[in-house]
Amino acid sequence: MKTFFLTVSTPLGNVYEGDAAMLSLRGSEGDLAILPGHIPFSTGVKAGKVKIVTGEEEEKRFATDGGLLAAAGGRVTLLAGTFEPAEEEE
């Protein structure tokens, strides 16, 4: 499975670093998903849920209050004010 390297940083430092097969979240223009090989891209991120699918196909869910996202050269960086595990949905 192809992956990209994802870094999530908050004012507290890097809170997530690792390989990801997919990242989905709410961008400034609507919902979006980042996959390996994505063209260079940057956008604002709105508050909401973030889903990361790891290289092992495990889904991890988080919540953020928004920030900035940049994707280039096989790396994706999310700068967020907060980034915390999300409550499990029933």
C-alpha atoms as a PDB file:
ATOM      1  CA  MET A   1       0.000   0.000   0.000  1.00  0.00           C
ATOM      2  CA  LYS A   2       1.342   3.408  -0.955  1.00  0.00           C
ATOM      3  CA  THR A   3       1.666   6.003   1.788  1.00  0.00           C
ATOM      4  CA  PHE A   4       2.829   9.546   2.449  1.00  0.00           C
ATOM      5  CA  PHE A   5       4.470  10.973   5.564  1.00  0.00           C
ATOM      6  CA  LEU A   6       2.072  12.964   7.725  1.00  0.00           C
ATOM      7  CA  THR A   7       3.056  15.471  10.405  1.00  0.00           C
ATOM      8  CA  VAL A   8       0.490  17.218  12.609  1.00  0.00           C
ATOM      9  CA  SER A   9       1.797  20.132  14.666  1.00  0.00           C
ATOM     10  CA  THR A  10       0.052  22.236  17.310  1.00  0.00           C
ATOM     11  CA  PRO A  11       1.442  24.992  19.547  1.00  0.00           C
ATOM     12  CA  LEU A  12       2.451  22.119  21.883  1.00  0.00           C
ATOM     13  CA  GLY A  13       4.694  20.561  19.213  1.00  0.00           C
ATOM     14  CA  ASN A  14       4.324  17.611  16.858  1.00  0.00           C
ATOM     15  CA  VAL A  15       1.367  15.525  18.032  1.00  0.00           C
ATOM     16  CA  TYR A  16       1.289  13.012  15.164  1.00  0.00           C
ATOM     17  CA  GLU A  17       4.010  11.748  12.836  1.00  0.00           C
ATOM     18  CA  GLY A  18       3.832   8.692  10.648  1.00  0.00           C
ATOM     19  CA  ASP A  19       2.917   7.084   7.368  1.00  0.00           C
ATOM     20  CA  ALA A  20      -0.649   7.512   6.145  1.00  0.00           C
ATOM     21  CA  ALA A  21      -2.542   6.048   3.210  1.00  0.00           C
ATOM     22  CA  MET A  22      -5.305   8.681   3.419  1.00  0.00           C
ATOM     23  CA  LEU A  23      -6.154  11.852   5.298  1.00  0.00           C
ATOM     24  CA  SER A  24      -9.666  13.281   5.194  1.00  0.00           C
ATOM     25  CA  LEU A  25     -10.888  16.522   6.743  1.00  0.00           C
ATOM     26  CA  ARG A  26     -12.876  19.692   6.109  1.00  0.00           C
ATOM     27  CA  GLY A  27     -10.902  22.203   4.041  1.00  0.00           C
ATOM     28  CA  SER A  28     -11.818  25.852   3.577  1.00  0.00           C
ATOM     29  CA  GLU A  29     -13.692  24.955   0.367  1.00  0.00           C
ATOM     30  CA  GLY A  30     -15.322  21.724   1.611  1.00  0.00           C
ATOM     31  CA  ASP A  31     -14.502  18.106   2.455  1.00  0.00           C
ATOM     32  CA  LEU A  32     -11.289  16.724   1.006  1.00  0.00           C
ATOM     33  CA  ALA A  33      -9.105  13.649   1.041  1.00  0.00           C
ATOM     34  CA  ILE A  34      -5.361  13.489   0.537  1.00  0.00           C
ATOM     35  CA  LEU A  35      -3.930  10.306  -0.993  1.00  0.00           C
ATOM     36  CA  PRO A  36      -0.344   9.321  -1.885  1.00  0.00           C
ATOM     37  CA  GLY A  37       0.897  11.194  -4.956  1.00  0.00           C
ATOM     38  CA  HIS A  38      -1.370  14.206  -4.396  1.00  0.00           C
ATOM     39  CA  ILE A  39      -0.326  17.286  -6.370  1.00  0.00           C
ATOM     40  CA  PRO A  40       1.269  20.103  -4.344  1.00  0.00           C
ATOM     41  CA  PHE A  41      -1.596  21.724  -2.506  1.00  0.00           C
ATOM     42  CA  SER A  42      -2.331  24.010   0.419  1.00  0.00           C
ATOM     43  CA  THR A  43      -5.579  25.079   2.062  1.00  0.00           C
ATOM     44  CA  GLY A  44      -7.113  26.348   5.229  1.00  0.00           C
ATOM     45  CA  VAL A  45      -8.688  23.716   7.464  1.00  0.00           C
ATOM     46  CA  LYS A  46     -12.012  24.225   9.237  1.00  0.00           C
ATOM     47  CA  ALA A  47     -12.870  22.888  12.677  1.00  0.00           C
ATOM     48  CA  GLY A  48     -14.179  19.343  12.608  1.00  0.00           C
ATOM     49  CA  LYS A  49     -13.304  15.685  12.353  1.00  0.00           C
ATOM     50  CA  VAL A  50     -10.089  14.349  10.853  1.00  0.00           C
ATOM     51  CA  LYS A  51      -9.645  10.752   9.719  1.00  0.00           C
ATOM     52  CA  ILE A  52      -6.244   9.167   9.142  1.00  0.00           C
ATOM     53  CA  VAL A  53      -5.933   5.766   7.506  1.00  0.00           C
ATOM     54  CA  THR A  54      -2.498   4.363   8.308  1.00  0.00           C
ATOM     55  CA  GLY A  55      -0.370   2.138   6.102  1.00  0.00           C
ATOM     56  CA  GLU A  56      -1.792  -0.843   8.036  1.00  0.00           C
ATOM     57  CA  GLU A  57      -5.319   0.256   6.998  1.00  0.00           C
ATOM     58  CA  GLU A  58      -6.161   1.219  10.580  1.00  0.00           C
ATOM     59  CA  GLU A  59      -8.474   4.229  10.927  1.00  0.00           C
ATOM     60  CA  LYS A  60      -7.691   6.879  13.509  1.00  0.00           C
ATOM     61  CA  ARG A  61     -10.140   9.688  14.227  1.00  0.00           C
ATOM     62  CA  PHE A  62      -9.324  13.092  15.652  1.00  0.00           C
ATOM     63  CA  ALA A  63     -10.922  16.499  16.129  1.00  0.00           C
ATOM     64  CA  THR A  64      -9.333  19.853  15.327  1.00  0.00           C
ATOM     65  CA  ASP A  65     -10.272  23.493  15.732  1.00  0.00           C
ATOM     66  CA  GLY A  66      -8.846  24.273  12.288  1.00  0.00           C
ATOM     67  CA  GLY A  67      -5.533  25.358  10.821  1.00  0.00           C
ATOM     68  CA  LEU A  68      -3.491  25.050   7.633  1.00  0.00           C
ATOM     69  CA  LEU A  69      -2.651  22.039   5.456  1.00  0.00           C
ATOM     70  CA  ALA A  70       0.188  21.687   2.939  1.00  0.00           C
ATOM     71  CA  ALA A  71       0.954  18.686   0.715  1.00  0.00           C
ATOM     72  CA  ALA A  72       4.106  18.429  -1.427  1.00  0.00           C
ATOM     73  CA  GLY A  73       6.803  15.912  -2.283  1.00  0.00           C
ATOM     74  CA  GLY A  74       5.250  12.905  -0.549  1.00  0.00           C
ATOM     75  CA  ARG A  75       4.820  14.813   2.720  1.00  0.00           C
ATOM     76  CA  VAL A  76       1.713  16.351   4.252  1.00  0.00           C
ATOM     77  CA  THR A  77       1.791  18.830   7.125  1.00  0.00           C
ATOM     78  CA  LEU A  78      -1.194  19.958   9.160  1.00  0.00           C
ATOM     79  CA  LEU A  79      -0.694  22.952  11.443  1.00  0.00           C
ATOM     80  CA  ALA A  80      -3.585  23.049  13.901  1.00  0.00           C
ATOM     81  CA  GLY A  81      -4.538  24.936  17.040  1.00  0.00           C
ATOM     82  CA  THR A  82      -5.756  21.699  18.648  1.00  0.00           C
ATOM     83  CA  PHE A  83      -5.676  18.063  17.545  1.00  0.00           C
ATOM     84  CA  GLU A  84      -7.138  15.470  19.902  1.00  0.00           C
ATOM     85  CA  PRO A  85      -8.598  11.964  19.669  1.00  0.00           C
ATOM     86  CA  ALA A  86     -12.264  12.140  18.699  1.00  0.00           C
ATOM     87  CA  GLU A  87     -15.050  10.488  20.628  1.00  0.00           C
ATOM     88  CA  GLU A  88     -16.098   7.184  19.106  1.00  0.00           C
ATOM     89  CA  GLU A  89     -19.316   7.355  17.099  1.00  0.00           C
ATOM     90  CA  GLU A  90     -22.072   4.928  18.035  1.00  0.00           C
END
